[in-house]
Amino acid sequence: VGMFLAALTGKRGLRSDSTGIEKVIYWLYLSGGILSTVAL
């Protein structure tokens, strides 16, 4: 979902101090990364 939103909006979501949709993308990536680390 983060990748799809990033492609749709042109935002990368790579900074924790971002705002708006970029912050949403950032949190999707971060939470996905943490959960995948737990799962793996």
PDB file of all heavy atoms in Angstrom:
ATOM      1  N   VAL A   1       0.849  -1.204   0.000  1.00  0.00           N
ATOM      2  CA  VAL A   1       0.000   0.000   0.000  1.00  0.00           C
ATOM      3  C   VAL A   1       0.882   1.249   0.000  1.00  0.00           C
ATOM      4  O   VAL A   1       0.607   2.207  -0.727  1.00  0.00           O
ATOM      5  CB  VAL A   1      -0.972  -0.002   1.200  1.00  0.00           C
ATOM      6  CG1 VAL A   1      -1.642   1.352   1.375  1.00  0.00           C
ATOM      7  CG2 VAL A   1      -2.017  -1.093   1.031  1.00  0.00           C
ATOM      8  N   GLY A   2       1.955   1.231   0.786  1.00  0.00           N
ATOM      9  CA  GLY A   2       2.885   2.358   0.795  1.00  0.00           C
ATOM     10  C   GLY A   2       3.504   2.594  -0.573  1.00  0.00           C
ATOM     11  O   GLY A   2       3.581   3.731  -1.047  1.00  0.00           O
ATOM     12  N   MET A   3       3.929   1.522  -1.234  1.00  0.00           N
ATOM     13  CA  MET A   3       4.511   1.649  -2.578  1.00  0.00           C
ATOM     14  C   MET A   3       3.498   2.217  -3.560  1.00  0.00           C
ATOM     15  O   MET A   3       3.828   3.072  -4.389  1.00  0.00           O
ATOM     16  CB  MET A   3       5.014   0.291  -3.076  1.00  0.00           C
ATOM     17  CG  MET A   3       6.240  -0.216  -2.394  1.00  0.00           C
ATOM     18  SD  MET A   3       6.872  -1.733  -3.147  1.00  0.00           S
ATOM     19  CE  MET A   3       5.936  -2.965  -2.267  1.00  0.00           C
ATOM     20  N   PHE A   4       2.260   1.717  -3.474  1.00  0.00           N
ATOM     21  CA  PHE A   4       1.207   2.165  -4.386  1.00  0.00           C
ATOM     22  C   PHE A   4       0.894   3.650  -4.172  1.00  0.00           C
ATOM     23  O   PHE A   4       0.794   4.418  -5.129  1.00  0.00           O
ATOM     24  CB  PHE A   4      -0.045   1.305  -4.189  1.00  0.00           C
ATOM     25  CG  PHE A   4      -0.848   1.120  -5.432  1.00  0.00           C
ATOM     26  CD1 PHE A   4      -0.586   0.069  -6.285  1.00  0.00           C
ATOM     27  CD2 PHE A   4      -1.872   1.991  -5.755  1.00  0.00           C
ATOM     28  CE1 PHE A   4      -1.322  -0.107  -7.448  1.00  0.00           C
ATOM     29  CE2 PHE A   4      -2.618   1.837  -6.908  1.00  0.00           C
ATOM     30  CZ  PHE A   4      -2.339   0.776  -7.754  1.00  0.00           C
ATOM     31  N   LEU A   5       0.774   4.062  -2.894  1.00  0.00           N
ATOM     32  CA  LEU A   5       0.518   5.483  -2.602  1.00  0.00           C
ATOM     33  C   LEU A   5       1.684   6.366  -3.052  1.00  0.00           C
ATOM     34  O   LEU A   5       1.474   7.463  -3.566  1.00  0.00           O
ATOM     35  CB  LEU A   5       0.271   5.685  -1.112  1.00  0.00           C
ATOM     36  CG  LEU A   5      -1.106   5.334  -0.582  1.00  0.00           C
ATOM     37  CD1 LEU A   5      -1.156   5.477   0.927  1.00  0.00           C
ATOM     38  CD2 LEU A   5      -2.177   6.194  -1.233  1.00  0.00           C
ATOM     39  N   ALA A   6       2.898   5.878  -2.860  1.00  0.00           N
ATOM     40  CA  ALA A   6       4.069   6.633  -3.296  1.00  0.00           C
ATOM     41  C   ALA A   6       4.057   6.827  -4.809  1.00  0.00           C
ATOM     42  O   ALA A   6       4.352   7.918  -5.312  1.00  0.00           O
ATOM     43  CB  ALA A   6       5.351   5.930  -2.851  1.00  0.00           C
ATOM     44  N   ALA A   7       3.694   5.787  -5.534  1.00  0.00           N
ATOM     45  CA  ALA A   7       3.645   5.891  -6.988  1.00  0.00           C
ATOM     46  C   ALA A   7       2.510   6.806  -7.446  1.00  0.00           C
ATOM     47  O   ALA A   7       2.673   7.592  -8.384  1.00  0.00           O
ATOM     48  CB  ALA A   7       3.490   4.504  -7.604  1.00  0.00           C
ATOM     49  N   LEU A   8       1.361   6.714  -6.783  1.00  0.00           N
ATOM     50  CA  LEU A   8       0.221   7.562  -7.153  1.00  0.00           C
ATOM     51  C   LEU A   8       0.490   9.045  -6.906  1.00  0.00           C
ATOM     52  O   LEU A   8       0.080   9.895  -7.697  1.00  0.00           O
ATOM     53  CB  LEU A   8      -1.026   7.151  -6.366  1.00  0.00           C
ATOM     54  CG  LEU A   8      -1.791   5.943  -6.844  1.00  0.00           C
ATOM     55  CD1 LEU A   8      -2.876   5.581  -5.841  1.00  0.00           C
ATOM     56  CD2 LEU A   8      -2.394   6.186  -8.213  1.00  0.00           C
ATOM     57  N   THR A   9       1.151   9.344  -5.786  1.00  0.00           N
ATOM     58  CA  THR A   9       1.311  10.742  -5.375  1.00  0.00           C
ATOM     59  C   THR A   9       2.649  11.355  -5.772  1.00  0.00           C
ATOM     60  O   THR A   9       2.797  12.574  -5.734  1.00  0.00           O
ATOM     61  CB  THR A   9       1.181  10.868  -3.846  1.00  0.00           C
ATOM     62  OG1 THR A   9       2.240  10.134  -3.221  1.00  0.00           O
ATOM     63  CG2 THR A   9      -0.168  10.368  -3.376  1.00  0.00           C
ATOM     64  N   GLY A  10       3.618  10.525  -6.100  1.00  0.00           N
ATOM     65  CA  GLY A  10       4.948  11.037  -6.396  1.00  0.00           C
ATOM     66  C   GLY A  10       5.759  11.351  -5.145  1.00  0.00           C
ATOM     67  O   GLY A  10       6.851  11.898  -5.224  1.00  0.00           O
ATOM     68  N   LYS A  11       5.241  11.006  -3.983  1.00  0.00           N
ATOM     69  CA  LYS A  11       5.948  11.209  -2.711  1.00  0.00           C
ATOM     70  C   LYS A  11       6.686   9.923  -2.363  1.00  0.00           C
ATOM     71  O   LYS A  11       6.247   8.840  -2.690  1.00  0.00           O
ATOM     72  CB  LYS A  11       4.976  11.566  -1.581  1.00  0.00           C
ATOM     73  CG  LYS A  11       4.092  12.749  -1.870  1.00  0.00           C
ATOM     74  CD  LYS A  11       4.901  14.015  -1.935  1.00  0.00           C
ATOM     75  CE  LYS A  11       3.971  15.211  -2.153  1.00  0.00           C
ATOM     76  NZ  LYS A  11       4.706  16.428  -2.379  1.00  0.00           N
ATOM     77  N   ARG A  12       7.810  10.059  -1.639  1.00  0.00           N
ATOM     78  CA  ARG A  12       8.604   8.876  -1.333  1.00  0.00           C
ATOM     79  C   ARG A  12       8.409   8.368   0.082  1.00  0.00           C
ATOM     80  O   ARG A  12       8.620   7.198   0.357  1.00  0.00           O
ATOM     81  CB  ARG A  12      10.076   9.172  -1.599  1.00  0.00           C
ATOM     82  CG  ARG A  12      10.280   9.461  -3.085  1.00  0.00           C
ATOM     83  CD  ARG A  12      11.701   9.649  -3.459  1.00  0.00           C
ATOM     84  NE  ARG A  12      12.432   8.395  -3.232  1.00  0.00           N
ATOM     85  CZ  ARG A  12      13.740   8.333  -3.180  1.00  0.00           C
ATOM     86  NH1 ARG A  12      14.462   9.411  -3.334  1.00  0.00           N
ATOM     87  NH2 ARG A  12      14.343   7.194  -2.981  1.00  0.00           N
ATOM     88  N   GLY A  13       8.035   9.222   1.006  1.00  0.00           N
ATOM     89  CA  GLY A  13       7.789   8.790   2.376  1.00  0.00           C
ATOM     90  C   GLY A  13       9.032   8.343   3.113  1.00  0.00           C
ATOM     91  O   GLY A  13       8.986   7.403   3.894  1.00  0.00           O
ATOM     92  N   LEU A  14      10.137   9.010   2.879  1.00  0.00           N
ATOM     93  CA  LEU A  14      11.402   8.575   3.469  1.00  0.00           C
ATOM     94  C   LEU A  14      11.831   9.369   4.691  1.00  0.00           C
ATOM     95  O   LEU A  14      12.829   9.037   5.319  1.00  0.00           O
ATOM     96  CB  LEU A  14      12.512   8.633   2.414  1.00  0.00           C
ATOM     97  CG  LEU A  14      12.291   7.761   1.179  1.00  0.00           C
ATOM     98  CD1 LEU A  14      13.421   7.948   0.192  1.00  0.00           C
ATOM     99  CD2 LEU A  14      12.143   6.307   1.569  1.00  0.00           C
ATOM    100  N   ARG A  15      11.083  10.405   5.058  1.00  0.00           N
ATOM    101  CA  ARG A  15      11.499  11.264   6.179  1.00  0.00           C
ATOM    102  C   ARG A  15      10.457  11.241   7.289  1.00  0.00           C
ATOM    103  O   ARG A  15       9.261  11.388   7.042  1.00  0.00           O
ATOM    104  CB  ARG A  15      11.702  12.686   5.694  1.00  0.00           C
ATOM    105  CG  ARG A  15      12.829  12.819   4.680  1.00  0.00           C
ATOM    106  CD  ARG A  15      12.914  14.222   4.164  1.00  0.00           C
ATOM    107  NE  ARG A  15      12.802  15.165   5.269  1.00  0.00           N
ATOM    108  CZ  ARG A  15      13.554  16.233   5.409  1.00  0.00           C
ATOM    109  NH1 ARG A  15      14.458  16.507   4.514  1.00  0.00           N
ATOM    110  NH2 ARG A  15      13.389  17.038   6.429  1.00  0.00           N
ATOM    111  N   SER A  16      10.922  11.109   8.511  1.00  0.00           N
ATOM    112  CA  SER A  16      10.003  11.062   9.650  1.00  0.00           C
ATOM    113  C   SER A  16       9.374  12.426   9.936  1.00  0.00           C
ATOM    114  O   SER A  16       8.317  12.501  10.547  1.00  0.00           O
ATOM    115  CB  SER A  16      10.734  10.560  10.894  1.00  0.00           C
ATOM    116  OG  SER A  16      11.774  11.447  11.242  1.00  0.00           O
ATOM    117  N   ASP A  17      10.012  13.496   9.481  1.00  0.00           N
ATOM    118  CA  ASP A  17       9.470  14.833   9.740  1.00  0.00           C
ATOM    119  C   ASP A  17       8.599  15.350   8.597  1.00  0.00           C
ATOM    120  O   ASP A  17       8.289  16.532   8.539  1.00  0.00           O
ATOM    121  CB  ASP A  17      10.609  15.819  10.032  1.00  0.00           C
ATOM    122  CG  ASP A  17      11.570  15.976   8.859  1.00  0.00           C
ATOM    123  OD1 ASP A  17      11.542  15.128   7.938  1.00  0.00           O
ATOM    124  OD2 ASP A  17      12.366  16.934   8.876  1.00  0.00           O
ATOM    125  N   SER A  18       8.207  14.473   7.700  1.00  0.00           N
ATOM    126  CA  SER A  18       7.355  14.886   6.587  1.00  0.00           C
ATOM    127  C   SER A  18       5.926  15.126   7.076  1.00  0.00           C
ATOM    128  O   SER A  18       5.586  14.849   8.219  1.00  0.00           O
ATOM    129  CB  SER A  18       7.385  13.813   5.494  1.00  0.00           C
ATOM    130  OG  SER A  18       6.988  12.581   6.019  1.00  0.00           O
ATOM    131  N   THR A  19       5.098  15.637   6.181  1.00  0.00           N
ATOM    132  CA  THR A  19       3.699  15.923   6.528  1.00  0.00           C
ATOM    133  C   THR A  19       2.773  15.315   5.478  1.00  0.00           C
ATOM    134  O   THR A  19       3.211  14.924   4.404  1.00  0.00           O
ATOM    135  CB  THR A  19       3.448  17.445   6.601  1.00  0.00           C
ATOM    136  OG1 THR A  19       3.777  18.017   5.340  1.00  0.00           O
ATOM    137  CG2 THR A  19       4.276  18.082   7.702  1.00  0.00           C
ATOM    138  N   GLY A  20       1.496  15.289   5.798  1.00  0.00           N
ATOM    139  CA  GLY A  20       0.475  14.861   4.850  1.00  0.00           C
ATOM    140  C   GLY A  20       0.649  13.413   4.404  1.00  0.00           C
ATOM    141  O   GLY A  20       1.002  12.533   5.181  1.00  0.00           O
ATOM    142  N   ILE A  21       0.407  13.194   3.123  1.00  0.00           N
ATOM    143  CA  ILE A  21       0.449  11.840   2.563  1.00  0.00           C
ATOM    144  C   ILE A  21       1.849  11.251   2.654  1.00  0.00           C
ATOM    145  O   ILE A  21       2.016  10.037   2.811  1.00  0.00           O
ATOM    146  CB  ILE A  21      -0.086  11.817   1.106  1.00  0.00           C
ATOM    147  CG1 ILE A  21      -0.315  10.378   0.630  1.00  0.00           C
ATOM    148  CG2 ILE A  21       0.856  12.543   0.170  1.00  0.00           C
ATOM    149  CD1 ILE A  21      -1.446   9.676   1.323  1.00  0.00           C
ATOM    150  N   GLU A  22       2.855  12.107   2.599  1.00  0.00           N
ATOM    151  CA  GLU A  22       4.223  11.608   2.716  1.00  0.00           C
ATOM    152  C   GLU A  22       4.463  10.981   4.098  1.00  0.00           C
ATOM    153  O   GLU A  22       5.148   9.974   4.226  1.00  0.00           O
ATOM    154  CB  GLU A  22       5.233  12.714   2.438  1.00  0.00           C
ATOM    155  CG  GLU A  22       6.621  12.183   2.226  1.00  0.00           C
ATOM    156  CD  GLU A  22       7.480  13.085   1.371  1.00  0.00           C
ATOM    157  OE1 GLU A  22       7.102  14.244   1.110  1.00  0.00           O
ATOM    158  OE2 GLU A  22       8.545  12.612   0.963  1.00  0.00           O
ATOM    159  N   LYS A  23       3.872  11.569   5.122  1.00  0.00           N
ATOM    160  CA  LYS A  23       3.988  11.005   6.483  1.00  0.00           C
ATOM    161  C   LYS A  23       3.239   9.669   6.561  1.00  0.00           C
ATOM    162  O   LYS A  23       3.704   8.731   7.220  1.00  0.00           O
ATOM    163  CB  LYS A  23       3.440  11.977   7.515  1.00  0.00           C
ATOM    164  CG  LYS A  23       3.644  11.516   8.931  1.00  0.00           C
ATOM    165  CD  LYS A  23       4.243  12.619   9.727  1.00  0.00           C
ATOM    166  CE  LYS A  23       4.681  12.143  11.088  1.00  0.00           C
ATOM    167  NZ  LYS A  23       5.849  12.840  11.524  1.00  0.00           N
ATOM    168  N   VAL A  24       2.091   9.582   5.903  1.00  0.00           N
ATOM    169  CA  VAL A  24       1.340   8.325   5.866  1.00  0.00           C
ATOM    170  C   VAL A  24       2.184   7.235   5.214  1.00  0.00           C
ATOM    171  O   VAL A  24       2.285   6.112   5.729  1.00  0.00           O
ATOM    172  CB  VAL A  24       0.001   8.504   5.118  1.00  0.00           C
ATOM    173  CG1 VAL A  24      -0.685   7.165   4.881  1.00  0.00           C
ATOM    174  CG2 VAL A  24      -0.912   9.459   5.866  1.00  0.00           C
ATOM    175  N   ILE A  25       2.806   7.559   4.096  1.00  0.00           N
ATOM    176  CA  ILE A  25       3.653   6.595   3.390  1.00  0.00           C
ATOM    177  C   ILE A  25       4.818   6.178   4.285  1.00  0.00           C
ATOM    178  O   ILE A  25       5.155   4.993   4.384  1.00  0.00           O
ATOM    179  CB  ILE A  25       4.146   7.179   2.052  1.00  0.00           C
ATOM    180  CG1 ILE A  25       2.956   7.410   1.115  1.00  0.00           C
ATOM    181  CG2 ILE A  25       5.171   6.259   1.399  1.00  0.00           C
ATOM    182  CD1 ILE A  25       3.266   8.276  -0.092  1.00  0.00           C
ATOM    183  N   TYR A  26       5.428   7.143   4.956  1.00  0.00           N
ATOM    184  CA  TYR A  26       6.532   6.857   5.870  1.00  0.00           C
ATOM    185  C   TYR A  26       6.095   5.846   6.937  1.00  0.00           C
ATOM    186  O   TYR A  26       6.789   4.866   7.193  1.00  0.00           O
ATOM    187  CB  TYR A  26       7.015   8.157   6.527  1.00  0.00           C
ATOM    188  CG  TYR A  26       8.017   7.938   7.629  1.00  0.00           C
ATOM    189  CD1 TYR A  26       9.361   7.754   7.334  1.00  0.00           C
ATOM    190  CD2 TYR A  26       7.615   7.883   8.970  1.00  0.00           C
ATOM    191  CE1 TYR A  26      10.288   7.538   8.346  1.00  0.00           C
ATOM    192  CE2 TYR A  26       8.529   7.663   9.984  1.00  0.00           C
ATOM    193  CZ  TYR A  26       9.864   7.490   9.672  1.00  0.00           C
ATOM    194  OH  TYR A  26      10.772   7.266  10.667  1.00  0.00           O
ATOM    195  N   TRP A  27       4.931   6.069   7.553  1.00  0.00           N
ATOM    196  CA  TRP A  27       4.462   5.180   8.610  1.00  0.00           C
ATOM    197  C   TRP A  27       4.047   3.817   8.073  1.00  0.00           C
ATOM    198  O   TRP A  27       4.191   2.802   8.762  1.00  0.00           O
ATOM    199  CB  TRP A  27       3.344   5.839   9.418  1.00  0.00           C
ATOM    200  CG  TRP A  27       3.921   6.818  10.394  1.00  0.00           C
ATOM    201  CD1 TRP A  27       3.911   8.174  10.300  1.00  0.00           C
ATOM    202  CD2 TRP A  27       4.649   6.509  11.585  1.00  0.00           C
ATOM    203  NE1 TRP A  27       4.593   8.726  11.368  1.00  0.00           N
ATOM    204  CE2 TRP A  27       5.053   7.716  12.171  1.00  0.00           C
ATOM    205  CE3 TRP A  27       5.005   5.316  12.219  1.00  0.00           C
ATOM    206  CZ2 TRP A  27       5.788   7.774  13.361  1.00  0.00           C
ATOM    207  CZ3 TRP A  27       5.741   5.378  13.397  1.00  0.00           C
ATOM    208  CH2 TRP A  27       6.118   6.591  13.954  1.00  0.00           C
ATOM    209  N   LEU A  28       3.534   3.764   6.851  1.00  0.00           N
ATOM    210  CA  LEU A  28       3.243   2.467   6.239  1.00  0.00           C
ATOM    211  C   LEU A  28       4.528   1.668   6.072  1.00  0.00           C
ATOM    212  O   LEU A  28       4.585   0.476   6.409  1.00  0.00           O
ATOM    213  CB  LEU A  28       2.547   2.654   4.883  1.00  0.00           C
ATOM    214  CG  LEU A  28       1.094   3.109   4.931  1.00  0.00           C
ATOM    215  CD1 LEU A  28       0.633   3.562   3.556  1.00  0.00           C
ATOM    216  CD2 LEU A  28       0.205   1.998   5.465  1.00  0.00           C
ATOM    217  N   TYR A  29       5.568   2.311   5.546  1.00  0.00           N
ATOM    218  CA  TYR A  29       6.858   1.634   5.371  1.00  0.00           C
ATOM    219  C   TYR A  29       7.463   1.226   6.712  1.00  0.00           C
ATOM    220  O   TYR A  29       7.946   0.108   6.872  1.00  0.00           O
ATOM    221  CB  TYR A  29       7.855   2.525   4.637  1.00  0.00           C
ATOM    222  CG  TYR A  29       7.594   2.727   3.170  1.00  0.00           C
ATOM    223  CD1 TYR A  29       8.084   3.842   2.521  1.00  0.00           C
ATOM    224  CD2 TYR A  29       6.876   1.809   2.412  1.00  0.00           C
ATOM    225  CE1 TYR A  29       7.878   4.043   1.168  1.00  0.00           C
ATOM    226  CE2 TYR A  29       6.656   2.000   1.058  1.00  0.00           C
ATOM    227  CZ  TYR A  29       7.165   3.120   0.435  1.00  0.00           C
ATOM    228  OH  TYR A  29       6.961   3.301  -0.896  1.00  0.00           O
ATOM    229  N   LEU A  30       7.450   2.133   7.675  1.00  0.00           N
ATOM    230  CA  LEU A  30       8.062   1.843   8.976  1.00  0.00           C
ATOM    231  C   LEU A  30       7.345   0.704   9.690  1.00  0.00           C
ATOM    232  O   LEU A  30       7.973  -0.255  10.159  1.00  0.00           O
ATOM    233  CB  LEU A  30       8.078   3.095   9.857  1.00  0.00           C
ATOM    234  CG  LEU A  30       8.718   2.918  11.236  1.00  0.00           C
ATOM    235  CD1 LEU A  30      10.198   2.591  11.105  1.00  0.00           C
ATOM    236  CD2 LEU A  30       8.519   4.166  12.072  1.00  0.00           C
ATOM    237  N   SER A  31       6.016   0.772   9.765  1.00  0.00           N
ATOM    238  CA  SER A  31       5.279  -0.282  10.453  1.00  0.00           C
ATOM    239  C   SER A  31       5.378  -1.605   9.692  1.00  0.00           C
ATOM    240  O   SER A  31       5.494  -2.677  10.310  1.00  0.00           O
ATOM    241  CB  SER A  31       3.825   0.121  10.692  1.00  0.00           C
ATOM    242  OG  SER A  31       3.229   0.585   9.516  1.00  0.00           O
ATOM    243  N   GLY A  32       5.370  -1.552   8.376  1.00  0.00           N
ATOM    244  CA  GLY A  32       5.565  -2.768   7.585  1.00  0.00           C
ATOM    245  C   GLY A  32       6.938  -3.370   7.813  1.00  0.00           C
ATOM    246  O   GLY A  32       7.083  -4.596   7.932  1.00  0.00           O
ATOM    247  N   GLY A  33       7.949  -2.524   7.895  1.00  0.00           N
ATOM    248  CA  GLY A  33       9.298  -3.014   8.141  1.00  0.00           C
ATOM    249  C   GLY A  33       9.457  -3.643   9.510  1.00  0.00           C
ATOM    250  O   GLY A  33      10.088  -4.697   9.662  1.00  0.00           O
ATOM    251  N   ILE A  34       8.871  -3.033  10.505  1.00  0.00           N
ATOM    252  CA  ILE A  34       8.954  -3.580  11.870  1.00  0.00           C
ATOM    253  C   ILE A  34       8.211  -4.919  11.942  1.00  0.00           C
ATOM    254  O   ILE A  34       8.730  -5.908  12.463  1.00  0.00           O
ATOM    255  CB  ILE A  34       8.392  -2.576  12.901  1.00  0.00           C
ATOM    256  CG1 ILE A  34       9.335  -1.376  13.012  1.00  0.00           C
ATOM    257  CG2 ILE A  34       8.191  -3.249  14.260  1.00  0.00           C
ATOM    258  CD1 ILE A  34       8.758  -0.203  13.783  1.00  0.00           C
ATOM    259  N   LEU A  35       6.994  -4.948  11.397  1.00  0.00           N
ATOM    260  CA  LEU A  35       6.210  -6.196  11.439  1.00  0.00           C
ATOM    261  C   LEU A  35       6.880  -7.314  10.648  1.00  0.00           C
ATOM    262  O   LEU A  35       6.861  -8.474  11.064  1.00  0.00           O
ATOM    263  CB  LEU A  35       4.810  -5.957  10.882  1.00  0.00           C
ATOM    264  CG  LEU A  35       3.705  -5.694  11.876  1.00  0.00           C
ATOM    265  CD1 LEU A  35       2.379  -5.475  11.157  1.00  0.00           C
ATOM    266  CD2 LEU A  35       3.575  -6.790  12.892  1.00  0.00           C
ATOM    267  N   SER A  36       7.477  -6.984   9.509  1.00  0.00           N
ATOM    268  CA  SER A  36       8.139  -8.034   8.721  1.00  0.00           C
ATOM    269  C   SER A  36       9.361  -8.568   9.457  1.00  0.00           C
ATOM    270  O   SER A  36       9.661  -9.760   9.388  1.00  0.00           O
ATOM    271  CB  SER A  36       8.516  -7.540   7.323  1.00  0.00           C
ATOM    272  OG  SER A  36       9.504  -6.543   7.379  1.00  0.00           O
ATOM    273  N   THR A  37      10.053  -7.702  10.194  1.00  0.00           N
ATOM    274  CA  THR A  37      11.194  -8.162  10.989  1.00  0.00           C
ATOM    275  C   THR A  37      10.721  -9.133  12.079  1.00  0.00           C
ATOM    276  O   THR A  37      11.344 -10.177  12.308  1.00  0.00           O
ATOM    277  CB  THR A  37      11.932  -6.961  11.619  1.00  0.00           C
ATOM    278  OG1 THR A  37      12.355  -6.091  10.571  1.00  0.00           O
ATOM    279  CG2 THR A  37      13.127  -7.417  12.430  1.00  0.00           C
ATOM    280  N   VAL A  38       9.607  -8.801  12.730  1.00  0.00           N
ATOM    281  CA  VAL A  38       9.036  -9.694  13.742  1.00  0.00           C
ATOM    282  C   VAL A  38       8.641 -11.029  13.107  1.00  0.00           C
ATOM    283  O   VAL A  38       8.985 -12.105  13.623  1.00  0.00           O
ATOM    284  CB  VAL A  38       7.807  -9.035  14.421  1.00  0.00           C
ATOM    285  CG1 VAL A  38       7.038 -10.031  15.267  1.00  0.00           C
ATOM    286  CG2 VAL A  38       8.243  -7.836  15.249  1.00  0.00           C
ATOM    287  N   ALA A  39       7.945 -10.973  11.992  1.00  0.00           N
ATOM    288  CA  ALA A  39       7.480 -12.193  11.331  1.00  0.00           C
ATOM    289  C   ALA A  39       8.649 -13.056  10.875  1.00  0.00           C
ATOM    290  O   ALA A  39       8.658 -14.276  11.109  1.00  0.00           O
ATOM    291  CB  ALA A  39       6.585 -11.834  10.140  1.00  0.00           C
ATOM    292  N   LEU A  40       9.626 -12.451  10.244  1.00  0.00           N
ATOM    293  CA  LEU A  40      10.751 -13.236   9.727  1.00  0.00           C
ATOM    294  C   LEU A  40      11.628 -13.789  10.851  1.00  0.00           C
ATOM    295  O   LEU A  40      12.207 -14.869  10.711  1.00  0.00           O
ATOM    296  CB  LEU A  40      11.563 -12.406   8.739  1.00  0.00           C
ATOM    297  CG  LEU A  40      10.797 -12.109   7.440  1.00  0.00           C
ATOM    298  CD1 LEU A  40      11.571 -11.147   6.560  1.00  0.00           C
ATOM    299  CD2 LEU A  40      10.480 -13.391   6.688  1.00  0.00           C
TER     300      LEU A  40
END
